[in-house]
Amino acid sequence: MATQAAQVSKELNTSLDLAWKALTNPDVLGKAFFGSQVQTSWKVGEPISFRGEWRGHKFEDHGKVLAFLPPRQLRFSHFSALSGLEEKPENFHIITLDLLPGAKTTLRLTQENENDKPVDEGMKQELTKNWSAVLDGLKDVVEKTYGRRSD
């Protein structure tokens, strides 16, 4: 059973289609994910990896693409050795990126841990802070790369 660990949202001043185009561009996604190099085919069941440096530590995170539903949702499993945990199924988490249409496109990121252990408040705050930084980066890159909505 998965446990929701964090959920953050950000309004993007761009269209749903342009937000999807940005989100599925590995270069754009990588810039937002702490400047990492993202490699994936976006095919369900295929690998996804993030390589880079965060807080002075090199990392190579990885997982598998679980859902690719244009132009609404990306979902992938994710493991980071920086967590200090052993690489086993219950130490992976699931990242879901949902795009919601409206006057502005809303990007919602949800992290679910692949275990039923409760997430303490300090960890929730840290995860929320980190994922908020990722969404801030995505907003910045999306709006600069693909333009702002003009309507």
Protein backbone atom coordinates (compact mmCIF):
# COMPACT_ATOMS: atom_id res chain seq x y z
CA MET A 1 0.00 0.00 0.00
CA ALA A 2 1.38 3.41 -0.95
CA THR A 3 1.48 6.37 1.42
CA GLN A 4 1.19 9.93 0.13
CA ALA A 5 4.31 11.76 1.26
CA ALA A 6 3.95 15.09 -0.52
CA GLN A 7 1.79 16.98 -2.96
CA VAL A 8 2.54 20.40 -4.46
CA SER A 9 0.95 22.42 -7.27
CA LYS A 10 1.99 25.36 -9.42
CA GLU A 11 0.08 27.39 -11.98
CA LEU A 12 1.83 27.68 -15.33
CA ASN A 13 1.08 30.65 -17.53
CA THR A 14 1.00 28.52 -20.68
CA SER A 15 -1.39 26.23 -22.53
CA LEU A 16 -1.97 22.61 -21.59
CA ASP A 17 -0.36 21.43 -24.85
CA LEU A 18 2.77 23.56 -24.40
CA ALA A 19 3.05 22.50 -20.76
CA TRP A 20 2.88 18.83 -21.88
CA LYS A 21 5.48 19.45 -24.59
CA ALA A 22 7.81 20.97 -21.99
CA LEU A 23 7.18 18.30 -19.37
CA THR A 24 8.01 15.50 -21.81
CA ASN A 25 11.17 17.18 -23.09
CA PRO A 26 14.05 15.54 -21.14
CA ASP A 27 16.19 18.69 -21.38
CA VAL A 28 13.46 20.88 -19.90
CA LEU A 29 12.55 18.34 -17.23
CA GLY A 30 16.21 17.90 -16.33
CA LYS A 31 16.77 21.63 -15.86
CA ALA A 32 13.94 21.68 -13.33
CA PHE A 33 15.08 18.48 -11.61
CA PHE A 34 18.15 20.17 -10.14
CA GLY A 35 19.92 20.42 -13.48
CA SER A 36 19.99 16.68 -14.03
CA GLN A 37 20.34 14.76 -17.26
CA VAL A 38 17.10 12.86 -17.89
CA GLN A 39 17.06 9.78 -20.07
CA THR A 40 13.84 7.98 -21.03
CA SER A 41 11.80 6.86 -24.00
CA TRP A 42 8.53 7.67 -22.12
CA LYS A 43 7.30 4.18 -23.01
CA VAL A 44 5.41 2.50 -20.16
CA GLY A 45 7.62 -0.13 -18.51
CA GLU A 46 10.83 1.43 -19.84
CA PRO A 47 13.50 3.01 -17.59
CA ILE A 48 13.85 6.64 -16.61
CA SER A 49 17.03 8.01 -15.07
CA PHE A 50 18.16 11.32 -13.61
CA ARG A 51 21.91 12.03 -13.31
CA GLY A 52 23.43 15.11 -11.78
CA GLU A 53 24.67 16.79 -8.65
CA TRP A 54 22.57 17.97 -5.71
CA ARG A 55 23.93 19.76 -2.64
CA GLY A 56 27.45 18.79 -3.65
CA HIS A 57 26.68 15.08 -4.12
CA LYS A 58 26.57 13.29 -7.45
CA PHE A 59 23.46 11.22 -7.95
CA GLU A 60 21.94 8.77 -10.37
CA ASP A 61 18.26 8.26 -9.61
CA HIS A 62 16.24 5.77 -11.59
CA GLY A 63 12.89 4.07 -11.98
CA LYS A 64 10.38 3.00 -14.60
CA VAL A 65 7.73 4.86 -16.55
CA LEU A 66 4.35 3.78 -15.17
CA ALA A 67 1.97 6.03 -17.14
CA PHE A 68 2.24 8.30 -20.16
CA LEU A 69 -1.19 9.84 -20.81
CA PRO A 70 -0.91 12.86 -23.15
CA PRO A 71 -1.52 15.67 -22.39
CA ARG A 72 -2.49 15.00 -18.78
CA GLN A 73 -0.26 12.67 -16.78
CA LEU A 74 3.25 11.30 -16.36
CA ARG A 75 3.88 8.73 -13.64
CA PHE A 76 7.10 6.94 -12.80
CA SER A 77 8.74 5.01 -10.01
CA HIS A 78 11.79 6.65 -8.49
CA PHE A 79 14.71 5.57 -6.32
CA SER A 80 17.55 7.76 -5.13
CA ALA A 81 20.69 6.38 -3.49
CA LEU A 82 20.96 9.80 -1.80
CA SER A 83 18.10 8.64 0.43
CA GLY A 84 20.57 6.36 2.20
CA LEU A 85 18.11 3.49 1.92
CA GLU A 86 18.71 0.05 0.46
CA GLU A 87 17.53 -0.34 -3.12
CA LYS A 88 14.50 -2.57 -2.73
CA PRO A 89 10.88 -2.18 -3.88
CA GLU A 90 9.53 -0.71 -0.65
CA ASN A 91 12.12 2.10 -0.80
CA PHE A 92 11.02 3.35 -4.21
CA HIS A 93 8.40 6.02 -4.48
CA ILE A 94 5.96 6.98 -7.20
CA ILE A 95 6.03 10.43 -8.75
CA THR A 96 2.87 11.55 -10.56
CA LEU A 97 2.84 14.75 -12.60
CA ASP A 98 -0.68 15.83 -13.52
CA LEU A 99 -1.56 18.74 -15.82
CA LEU A 100 -4.95 20.29 -15.12
CA PRO A 101 -6.54 22.68 -17.62
CA GLY A 102 -8.03 26.03 -16.66
CA ALA A 103 -7.43 29.75 -17.08
CA LYS A 104 -3.84 28.74 -16.33
CA THR A 105 -2.51 25.21 -16.56
CA THR A 106 -1.96 23.69 -13.13
CA LEU A 107 0.92 21.27 -12.65
CA ARG A 108 0.43 18.99 -9.65
CA LEU A 109 3.19 16.71 -8.38
CA THR A 110 2.39 13.89 -5.96
CA GLN A 111 4.93 11.63 -4.26
CA GLU A 112 3.70 8.34 -2.86
CA ASN A 113 6.02 6.05 -0.96
CA GLU A 114 5.84 2.35 -1.83
CA ASN A 115 5.27 1.29 1.75
CA ASP A 116 2.66 1.90 4.38
CA LYS A 117 4.99 3.60 6.85
CA PRO A 118 3.70 6.97 8.02
CA VAL A 119 5.72 9.99 6.89
CA ASP A 120 6.66 12.26 9.78
CA GLU A 121 5.88 15.96 9.60
CA GLY A 122 9.55 17.00 9.27
CA MET A 123 10.03 14.71 6.25
CA LYS A 124 6.78 15.95 4.67
CA GLN A 125 8.01 19.53 5.01
CA GLU A 126 11.40 18.67 3.48
CA LEU A 127 9.78 16.81 0.57
CA THR A 128 7.32 19.64 -0.01
CA LYS A 129 10.19 22.15 -0.02
CA ASN A 130 12.23 20.09 -2.50
CA TRP A 131 9.32 19.36 -4.84
CA SER A 132 8.21 23.01 -4.69
CA ALA A 133 11.69 23.96 -5.91
CA VAL A 134 11.31 21.48 -8.80
CA LEU A 135 7.93 22.97 -9.76
CA ASP A 136 9.30 26.51 -9.49
CA GLY A 137 12.08 25.45 -11.85
CA LEU A 138 9.60 23.83 -14.24
CA LYS A 139 7.42 26.95 -14.25
CA ASP A 140 10.42 29.13 -15.02
CA VAL A 141 11.78 26.89 -17.78
CA VAL A 142 8.36 26.22 -19.33
CA GLU A 143 7.41 29.89 -19.50
CA LYS A 144 10.82 30.97 -20.81
CA THR A 145 11.18 28.11 -23.33
CA TYR A 146 7.62 27.79 -24.58
CA GLY A 147 6.29 31.23 -23.89
CA ARG A 148 3.61 32.59 -21.68
CA ARG A 149 -0.09 32.25 -22.41
CA SER A 150 -1.37 35.34 -24.16
CA ASP A 151 -5.13 34.82 -23.82
